Amino acid sequence: MKWKLADAKNRFSELVTQALTEGPQHVQRRNQAVVVLAEDEYERLVGTRLGFKEYLMAGPDLGDLDLSRDDSPMREVPL
C-alpha cells in the first residue's frame, strides 16, 4: 500500500501492523519514498551477515600457499 507522509505519521501503528501482516508499505514524501517492512522480511532480503572475525575465518585456506623467500643473491645495482 502507498501512504502519504502525513497519513503515515498520523496512523503509524496501522502502518506498522500492515507492514507486519500484508508486506512492505510505501511512504511517499513529495518526490521521495521509503519502504517500511517487517524485520523478518528484511533479514530474508539481505541474508545473514557474518561478523568480521567470521568473515576472515570463512575465507580460503592459505595452508598450501608458498611464502618462502628466494635465497638467490640480489642483483647488482650501480649506485
PDB file of N, CA and C in Angstrom:
ATOM      1  N   MET A   1       0.842  -1.179   0.000  1.00  0.00           N
ATOM      2  CA  MET A   1       0.000   0.000   0.000  1.00  0.00           C
ATOM      3  C   MET A   1       0.885   1.238   0.000  1.00  0.00           C
ATOM      4  N   LYS A   2       0.409   2.291  -0.621  1.00  0.00           N
ATOM      5  CA  LYS A   2       1.136   3.559  -0.647  1.00  0.00           C
ATOM      6  C   LYS A   2       0.499   4.527   0.330  1.00  0.00           C
ATOM      7  N   TRP A   3       1.342   5.176   1.117  1.00  0.00           N
ATOM      8  CA  TRP A   3       0.899   6.131   2.126  1.00  0.00           C
ATOM      9  C   TRP A   3       1.486   7.503   1.816  1.00  0.00           C
ATOM     10  N   LYS A   4       0.729   8.541   2.076  1.00  0.00           N
ATOM     11  CA  LYS A   4       1.288   9.889   2.097  1.00  0.00           C
ATOM     12  C   LYS A   4       1.946  10.051   3.466  1.00  0.00           C
ATOM     13  N   LEU A   5       2.981  10.858   3.537  1.00  0.00           N
ATOM     14  CA  LEU A   5       3.731  11.009   4.778  1.00  0.00           C
ATOM     15  C   LEU A   5       2.840  11.436   5.939  1.00  0.00           C
ATOM     16  N   ALA A   6       1.961  12.387   5.720  1.00  0.00           N
ATOM     17  CA  ALA A   6       1.093  12.864   6.797  1.00  0.00           C
ATOM     18  C   ALA A   6       0.197  11.741   7.313  1.00  0.00           C
ATOM     19  N   ASP A   7      -0.351  10.940   6.400  1.00  0.00           N
ATOM     20  CA  ASP A   7      -1.191   9.811   6.816  1.00  0.00           C
ATOM     21  C   ASP A   7      -0.379   8.776   7.577  1.00  0.00           C
ATOM     22  N   ALA A   8       0.831   8.521   7.124  1.00  0.00           N
ATOM     23  CA  ALA A   8       1.694   7.539   7.788  1.00  0.00           C
ATOM     24  C   ALA A   8       2.034   8.002   9.205  1.00  0.00           C
ATOM     25  N   LYS A   9       2.287   9.296   9.383  1.00  0.00           N
ATOM     26  CA  LYS A   9       2.595   9.827  10.715  1.00  0.00           C
ATOM     27  C   LYS A   9       1.382   9.724  11.632  1.00  0.00           C
ATOM     28  N   ASN A  10       0.218  10.047  11.123  1.00  0.00           N
ATOM     29  CA  ASN A  10      -0.992  10.029  11.938  1.00  0.00           C
ATOM     30  C   ASN A  10      -1.474   8.615  12.256  1.00  0.00           C
ATOM     31  N   ARG A  11      -1.173   7.675  11.378  1.00  0.00           N
ATOM     32  CA  ARG A  11      -1.660   6.301  11.548  1.00  0.00           C
ATOM     33  C   ARG A  11      -0.488   5.321  11.589  1.00  0.00           C
ATOM     34  N   PHE A  12       0.559   5.709  12.309  1.00  0.00           N
ATOM     35  CA  PHE A  12       1.799   4.918  12.321  1.00  0.00           C
ATOM     36  C   PHE A  12       1.572   3.491  12.808  1.00  0.00           C
ATOM     37  N   SER A  13       0.780   3.321  13.845  1.00  0.00           N
ATOM     38  CA  SER A  13       0.508   1.984  14.374  1.00  0.00           C
ATOM     39  C   SER A  13      -0.127   1.098  13.301  1.00  0.00           C
ATOM     40  N   GLU A  14      -1.056   1.652  12.558  1.00  0.00           N
ATOM     41  CA  GLU A  14      -1.695   0.902  11.466  1.00  0.00           C
ATOM     42  C   GLU A  14      -0.692   0.586  10.359  1.00  0.00           C
ATOM     43  N   LEU A  15       0.180   1.536  10.070  1.00  0.00           N
ATOM     44  CA  LEU A  15       1.238   1.328   9.073  1.00  0.00           C
ATOM     45  C   LEU A  15       2.117   0.137   9.472  1.00  0.00           C
ATOM     46  N   VAL A  16       2.533   0.095  10.729  1.00  0.00           N
ATOM     47  CA  VAL A  16       3.386  -0.992  11.212  1.00  0.00           C
ATOM     48  C   VAL A  16       2.633  -2.318  11.166  1.00  0.00           C
ATOM     49  N   THR A  17       1.386  -2.323  11.579  1.00  0.00           N
ATOM     50  CA  THR A  17       0.574  -3.547  11.558  1.00  0.00           C
ATOM     51  C   THR A  17       0.453  -4.080  10.137  1.00  0.00           C
ATOM     52  N   GLN A  18       0.217  -3.205   9.182  1.00  0.00           N
ATOM     53  CA  GLN A  18       0.098  -3.652   7.791  1.00  0.00           C
ATOM     54  C   GLN A  18       1.443  -4.138   7.246  1.00  0.00           C
ATOM     55  N   ALA A  19       2.531  -3.514   7.661  1.00  0.00           N
ATOM     56  CA  ALA A  19       3.852  -3.982   7.224  1.00  0.00           C
ATOM     57  C   ALA A  19       4.111  -5.384   7.747  1.00  0.00           C
ATOM     58  N   LEU A  20       3.656  -5.668   8.959  1.00  0.00           N
ATOM     59  CA  LEU A  20       3.850  -6.991   9.547  1.00  0.00           C
ATOM     60  C   LEU A  20       2.946  -8.047   8.938  1.00  0.00           C
ATOM     61  N   THR A  21       1.732  -7.662   8.569  1.00  0.00           N
ATOM     62  CA  THR A  21       0.764  -8.655   8.096  1.00  0.00           C
ATOM     63  C   THR A  21       0.639  -8.727   6.575  1.00  0.00           C
ATOM     64  N   GLU A  22       0.737  -7.602   5.904  1.00  0.00           N
ATOM     65  CA  GLU A  22       0.476  -7.579   4.461  1.00  0.00           C
ATOM     66  C   GLU A  22       1.723  -7.439   3.608  1.00  0.00           C
ATOM     67  N   GLY A  23       2.811  -6.965   4.204  1.00  0.00           N
ATOM     68  CA  GLY A  23       4.034  -6.805   3.431  1.00  0.00           C
ATOM     69  C   GLY A  23       4.504  -5.365   3.401  1.00  0.00           C
ATOM     70  N   PRO A  24       5.478  -5.073   2.574  1.00  0.00           N
ATOM     71  CA  PRO A  24       6.087  -3.736   2.530  1.00  0.00           C
ATOM     72  C   PRO A  24       5.071  -2.625   2.285  1.00  0.00           C
ATOM     73  N   GLN A  25       5.279  -1.504   2.989  1.00  0.00           N
ATOM     74  CA  GLN A  25       4.413  -0.334   2.868  1.00  0.00           C
ATOM     75  C   GLN A  25       5.251   0.838   2.346  1.00  0.00           C
ATOM     76  N   HIS A  26       4.770   1.495   1.312  1.00  0.00           N
ATOM     77  CA  HIS A  26       5.475   2.621   0.699  1.00  0.00           C
ATOM     78  C   HIS A  26       4.981   3.926   1.313  1.00  0.00           C
ATOM     79  N   VAL A  27       5.912   4.761   1.754  1.00  0.00           N
ATOM     80  CA  VAL A  27       5.563   6.071   2.310  1.00  0.00           C
ATOM     81  C   VAL A  27       6.176   7.125   1.399  1.00  0.00           C
ATOM     82  N   GLN A  28       5.326   7.994   0.851  1.00  0.00           N
ATOM     83  CA  GLN A  28       5.729   8.985  -0.139  1.00  0.00           C
ATOM     84  C   GLN A  28       5.812  10.372   0.481  1.00  0.00           C
ATOM     85  N   ARG A  29       6.924  11.074   0.224  1.00  0.00           N
ATOM     86  CA  ARG A  29       7.068  12.482   0.612  1.00  0.00           C
ATOM     87  C   ARG A  29       7.555  13.229  -0.618  1.00  0.00           C
ATOM     88  N   ARG A  30       6.713  14.022  -1.188  1.00  0.00           N
ATOM     89  CA  ARG A  30       6.993  14.732  -2.442  1.00  0.00           C
ATOM     90  C   ARG A  30       7.508  13.747  -3.483  1.00  0.00           C
ATOM     91  N   ASN A  31       8.761  13.890  -3.908  1.00  0.00           N
ATOM     92  CA  ASN A  31       9.309  13.003  -4.941  1.00  0.00           C
ATOM     93  C   ASN A  31      10.170  11.899  -4.359  1.00  0.00           C
ATOM     94  N   GLN A  32      10.133  11.733  -3.039  1.00  0.00           N
ATOM     95  CA  GLN A  32      10.938  10.701  -2.395  1.00  0.00           C
ATOM     96  C   GLN A  32      10.020   9.681  -1.740  1.00  0.00           C
ATOM     97  N   ALA A  33      10.531   8.463  -1.609  1.00  0.00           N
ATOM     98  CA  ALA A  33       9.730   7.424  -0.980  1.00  0.00           C
ATOM     99  C   ALA A  33      10.632   6.524  -0.140  1.00  0.00           C
ATOM    100  N   VAL A  34      10.053   5.956   0.893  1.00  0.00           N
ATOM    101  CA  VAL A  34      10.722   4.945   1.702  1.00  0.00           C
ATOM    102  C   VAL A  34       9.789   3.747   1.802  1.00  0.00           C
ATOM    103  N   VAL A  35      10.367   2.620   2.194  1.00  0.00           N
ATOM    104  CA  VAL A  35       9.576   1.411   2.344  1.00  0.00           C
ATOM    105  C   VAL A  35       9.719   0.928   3.779  1.00  0.00           C
ATOM    106  N   VAL A  36       8.605   0.643   4.409  1.00  0.00           N
ATOM    107  CA  VAL A  36       8.590   0.084   5.761  1.00  0.00           C
ATOM    108  C   VAL A  36       8.282  -1.400   5.610  1.00  0.00           C
ATOM    109  N   LEU A  37       9.161  -2.242   6.167  1.00  0.00           N
ATOM    110  CA  LEU A  37       8.909  -3.670   6.079  1.00  0.00           C
ATOM    111  C   LEU A  37       9.279  -4.361   7.368  1.00  0.00           C
ATOM    112  N   ALA A  38       8.726  -5.536   7.558  1.00  0.00           N
ATOM    113  CA  ALA A  38       8.940  -6.309   8.776  1.00  0.00           C
ATOM    114  C   ALA A  38      10.391  -6.792   8.838  1.00  0.00           C
ATOM    115  N   GLU A  39      10.887  -6.993  10.062  1.00  0.00           N
ATOM    116  CA  GLU A  39      12.277  -7.402  10.251  1.00  0.00           C
ATOM    117  C   GLU A  39      12.565  -8.746   9.588  1.00  0.00           C
ATOM    118  N   ASP A  40      11.647  -9.698   9.684  1.00  0.00           N
ATOM    119  CA  ASP A  40      11.902 -11.000   9.064  1.00  0.00           C
ATOM    120  C   ASP A  40      11.992 -10.884   7.544  1.00  0.00           C
ATOM    121  N   GLU A  41      11.216  -9.990   6.964  1.00  0.00           N
ATOM    122  CA  GLU A  41      11.303  -9.750   5.514  1.00  0.00           C
ATOM    123  C   GLU A  41      12.648  -9.114   5.159  1.00  0.00           C
ATOM    124  N   TYR A  42      13.086  -8.170   5.984  1.00  0.00           N
ATOM    125  CA  TYR A  42      14.389  -7.532   5.767  1.00  0.00           C
ATOM    126  C   TYR A  42      15.509  -8.565   5.850  1.00  0.00           C
ATOM    127  N   GLU A  43      15.476  -9.419   6.867  1.00  0.00           N
ATOM    128  CA  GLU A  43      16.500 -10.461   7.012  1.00  0.00           C
ATOM    129  C   GLU A  43      16.480 -11.412   5.826  1.00  0.00           C
ATOM    130  N   ARG A  44      15.296 -11.720   5.321  1.00  0.00           N
ATOM    131  CA  ARG A  44      15.205 -12.606   4.150  1.00  0.00           C
ATOM    132  C   ARG A  44      15.862 -11.961   2.931  1.00  0.00           C
ATOM    133  N   LEU A  45      15.677 -10.642   2.790  1.00  0.00           N
ATOM    134  CA  LEU A  45      16.229  -9.945   1.630  1.00  0.00           C
ATOM    135  C   LEU A  45      17.749  -9.799   1.700  1.00  0.00           C
ATOM    136  N   VAL A  46      18.281  -9.425   2.850  1.00  0.00           N
ATOM    137  CA  VAL A  46      19.725  -9.179   2.955  1.00  0.00           C
ATOM    138  C   VAL A  46      20.495 -10.408   3.394  1.00  0.00           C
ATOM    139  N   GLY A  47      19.822 -11.393   3.955  1.00  0.00           N
ATOM    140  CA  GLY A  47      20.502 -12.584   4.419  1.00  0.00           C
ATOM    141  C   GLY A  47      21.249 -12.317   5.711  1.00  0.00           C
ATOM    142  N   THR A  48      21.788 -13.373   6.264  1.00  0.00           N
ATOM    143  CA  THR A  48      22.555 -13.205   7.489  1.00  0.00           C
ATOM    144  C   THR A  48      23.964 -12.799   7.115  1.00  0.00           C
ATOM    145  N   ARG A  49      24.499 -11.865   7.841  1.00  0.00           N
ATOM    146  CA  ARG A  49      25.839 -11.374   7.565  1.00  0.00           C
ATOM    147  C   ARG A  49      26.788 -11.844   8.643  1.00  0.00           C
ATOM    148  N   LEU A  50      27.961 -12.217   8.211  1.00  0.00           N
ATOM    149  CA  LEU A  50      28.970 -12.670   9.147  1.00  0.00           C
ATOM    150  C   LEU A  50      29.613 -11.485   9.843  1.00  0.00           C
ATOM    151  N   GLY A  51      30.035 -11.692  11.084  1.00  0.00           N
ATOM    152  CA  GLY A  51      30.839 -10.701  11.762  1.00  0.00           C
ATOM    153  C   GLY A  51      32.213 -10.658  11.104  1.00  0.00           C
ATOM    154  N   PHE A  52      33.031  -9.672  11.467  1.00  0.00           N
ATOM    155  CA  PHE A  52      34.333  -9.517  10.829  1.00  0.00           C
ATOM    156  C   PHE A  52      35.213 -10.739  11.035  1.00  0.00           C
ATOM    157  N   LYS A  53      35.253 -11.260  12.257  1.00  0.00           N
ATOM    158  CA  LYS A  53      36.078 -12.434  12.549  1.00  0.00           C
ATOM    159  C   LYS A  53      35.582 -13.645  11.758  1.00  0.00           C
ATOM    160  N   GLU A  54      34.281 -13.867  11.732  1.00  0.00           N
ATOM    161  CA  GLU A  54      33.718 -14.992  10.994  1.00  0.00           C
ATOM    162  C   GLU A  54      33.990 -14.849   9.493  1.00  0.00           C
ATOM    163  N   TYR A  55      33.934 -13.607   9.002  1.00  0.00           N
ATOM    164  CA  TYR A  55      34.222 -13.349   7.589  1.00  0.00           C
ATOM    165  C   TYR A  55      35.654 -13.755   7.253  1.00  0.00           C
ATOM    166  N   LEU A  56      36.607 -13.367   8.113  1.00  0.00           N
ATOM    167  CA  LEU A  56      38.000 -13.719   7.873  1.00  0.00           C
ATOM    168  C   LEU A  56      38.232 -15.221   7.993  1.00  0.00           C
ATOM    169  N   MET A  57      37.596 -15.827   8.984  1.00  0.00           N
ATOM    170  CA  MET A  57      37.779 -17.262   9.202  1.00  0.00           C
ATOM    171  C   MET A  57      37.133 -18.095   8.089  1.00  0.00           C
ATOM    172  N   ALA A  58      36.128 -17.559   7.419  1.00  0.00           N
ATOM    173  CA  ALA A  58      35.442 -18.285   6.356  1.00  0.00           C
ATOM    174  C   ALA A  58      36.164 -18.137   5.015  1.00  0.00           C
ATOM    175  N   GLY A  59      37.260 -17.394   4.993  1.00  0.00           N
ATOM    176  CA  GLY A  59      37.993 -17.169   3.751  1.00  0.00           C
ATOM    177  C   GLY A  59      38.675 -18.436   3.259  1.00  0.00           C
ATOM    178  N   PRO A  60      39.387 -18.335   2.151  1.00  0.00           N
ATOM    179  CA  PRO A  60      40.039 -19.516   1.580  1.00  0.00           C
ATOM    180  C   PRO A  60      41.166 -20.022   2.484  1.00  0.00           C
ATOM    181  N   ASP A  61      41.468 -21.314   2.356  1.00  0.00           N
ATOM    182  CA  ASP A  61      42.551 -21.927   3.113  1.00  0.00           C
ATOM    183  C   ASP A  61      43.865 -21.564   2.432  1.00  0.00           C
ATOM    184  N   LEU A  62      44.748 -20.886   3.157  1.00  0.00           N
ATOM    185  CA  LEU A  62      46.029 -20.461   2.605  1.00  0.00           C
ATOM    186  C   LEU A  62      47.156 -21.378   3.043  1.00  0.00           C
ATOM    187  N   GLY A  63      46.826 -22.580   3.547  1.00  0.00           N
ATOM    188  CA  GLY A  63      47.829 -23.520   4.035  1.00  0.00           C
ATOM    189  C   GLY A  63      48.794 -23.978   2.950  1.00  0.00           C
ATOM    190  N   ASP A  64      48.360 -24.072   1.719  1.00  0.00           N
ATOM    191  CA  ASP A  64      49.217 -24.545   0.623  1.00  0.00           C
ATOM    192  C   ASP A  64      49.979 -23.412  -0.055  1.00  0.00           C
ATOM    193  N   LEU A  65      49.813 -22.191   0.399  1.00  0.00           N
ATOM    194  CA  LEU A  65      50.470 -21.047  -0.210  1.00  0.00           C
ATOM    195  C   LEU A  65      51.948 -21.029   0.176  1.00  0.00           C
ATOM    196  N   ASP A  66      52.818 -20.952  -0.821  1.00  0.00           N
ATOM    197  CA  ASP A  66      54.261 -20.935  -0.575  1.00  0.00           C
ATOM    198  C   ASP A  66      54.705 -19.500  -0.299  1.00  0.00           C
ATOM    199  N   LEU A  67      55.121 -19.252   0.927  1.00  0.00           N
ATOM    200  CA  LEU A  67      55.553 -17.922   1.326  1.00  0.00           C
ATOM    201  C   LEU A  67      57.054 -17.859   1.574  1.00  0.00           C
ATOM    202  N   SER A  68      57.783 -18.854   1.100  1.00  0.00           N
ATOM    203  CA  SER A  68      59.232 -18.849   1.314  1.00  0.00           C
ATOM    204  C   SER A  68      59.894 -17.837   0.390  1.00  0.00           C
ATOM    205  N   ARG A  69      61.038 -17.304   0.850  1.00  0.00           N
ATOM    206  CA  ARG A  69      61.759 -16.291   0.077  1.00  0.00           C
ATOM    207  C   ARG A  69      62.767 -16.969  -0.840  1.00  0.00           C
ATOM    208  N   ASP A  70      63.076 -16.292  -1.920  1.00  0.00           N
ATOM    209  CA  ASP A  70      64.092 -16.758  -2.850  1.00  0.00           C
ATOM    210  C   ASP A  70      65.463 -16.470  -2.230  1.00  0.00           C
ATOM    211  N   ASP A  71      66.314 -17.503  -2.115  1.00  0.00           N
ATOM    212  CA  ASP A  71      67.619 -17.351  -1.483  1.00  0.00           C
ATOM    213  C   ASP A  71      68.716 -16.936  -2.462  1.00  0.00           C
ATOM    214  N   SER A  72      68.390 -16.706  -3.707  1.00  0.00           N
ATOM    215  CA  SER A  72      69.418 -16.316  -4.673  1.00  0.00           C
ATOM    216  C   SER A  72      69.923 -14.912  -4.338  1.00  0.00           C
ATOM    217  N   PRO A  73      71.183 -14.619  -4.690  1.00  0.00           N
ATOM    218  CA  PRO A  73      71.737 -13.297  -4.362  1.00  0.00           C
ATOM    219  C   PRO A  73      70.992 -12.190  -5.120  1.00  0.00           C
ATOM    220  N   MET A  74      71.034 -11.002  -4.525  1.00  0.00           N
ATOM    221  CA  MET A  74      70.365  -9.858  -5.146  1.00  0.00           C
ATOM    222  C   MET A  74      71.124  -9.421  -6.395  1.00  0.00           C
ATOM    223  N   ARG A  75      70.482  -8.760  -7.276  1.00  0.00           N
ATOM    224  CA  ARG A  75      71.146  -8.295  -8.485  1.00  0.00           C
ATOM    225  C   ARG A  75      72.036  -7.091  -8.149  1.00  0.00           C
ATOM    226  N   GLU A  76      73.015  -6.869  -8.971  1.00  0.00           N
ATOM    227  CA  GLU A  76      73.921  -5.742  -8.769  1.00  0.00           C
ATOM    228  C   GLU A  76      73.240  -4.445  -9.250  1.00  0.00           C
ATOM    229  N   VAL A  77      73.283  -3.441  -8.429  1.00  0.00           N
ATOM    230  CA  VAL A  77      72.684  -2.150  -8.773  1.00  0.00           C
ATOM    231  C   VAL A  77      73.762  -1.094  -8.661  1.00  0.00           C
ATOM    232  N   PRO A  78      74.086  -0.421  -9.790  1.00  0.00           N
ATOM    233  CA  PRO A  78      75.104   0.635  -9.699  1.00  0.00           C
ATOM    234  C   PRO A  78      74.553   1.834  -8.918  1.00  0.00           C
ATOM    235  N   LEU A  79      75.365   2.331  -8.009  1.00  0.00           N
ATOM    236  CA  LEU A  79      74.955   3.494  -7.217  1.00  0.00           C
ATOM    237  C   LEU A  79      75.741   4.716  -7.617  1.00  0.00           C
TER     238      LEU A  79
END
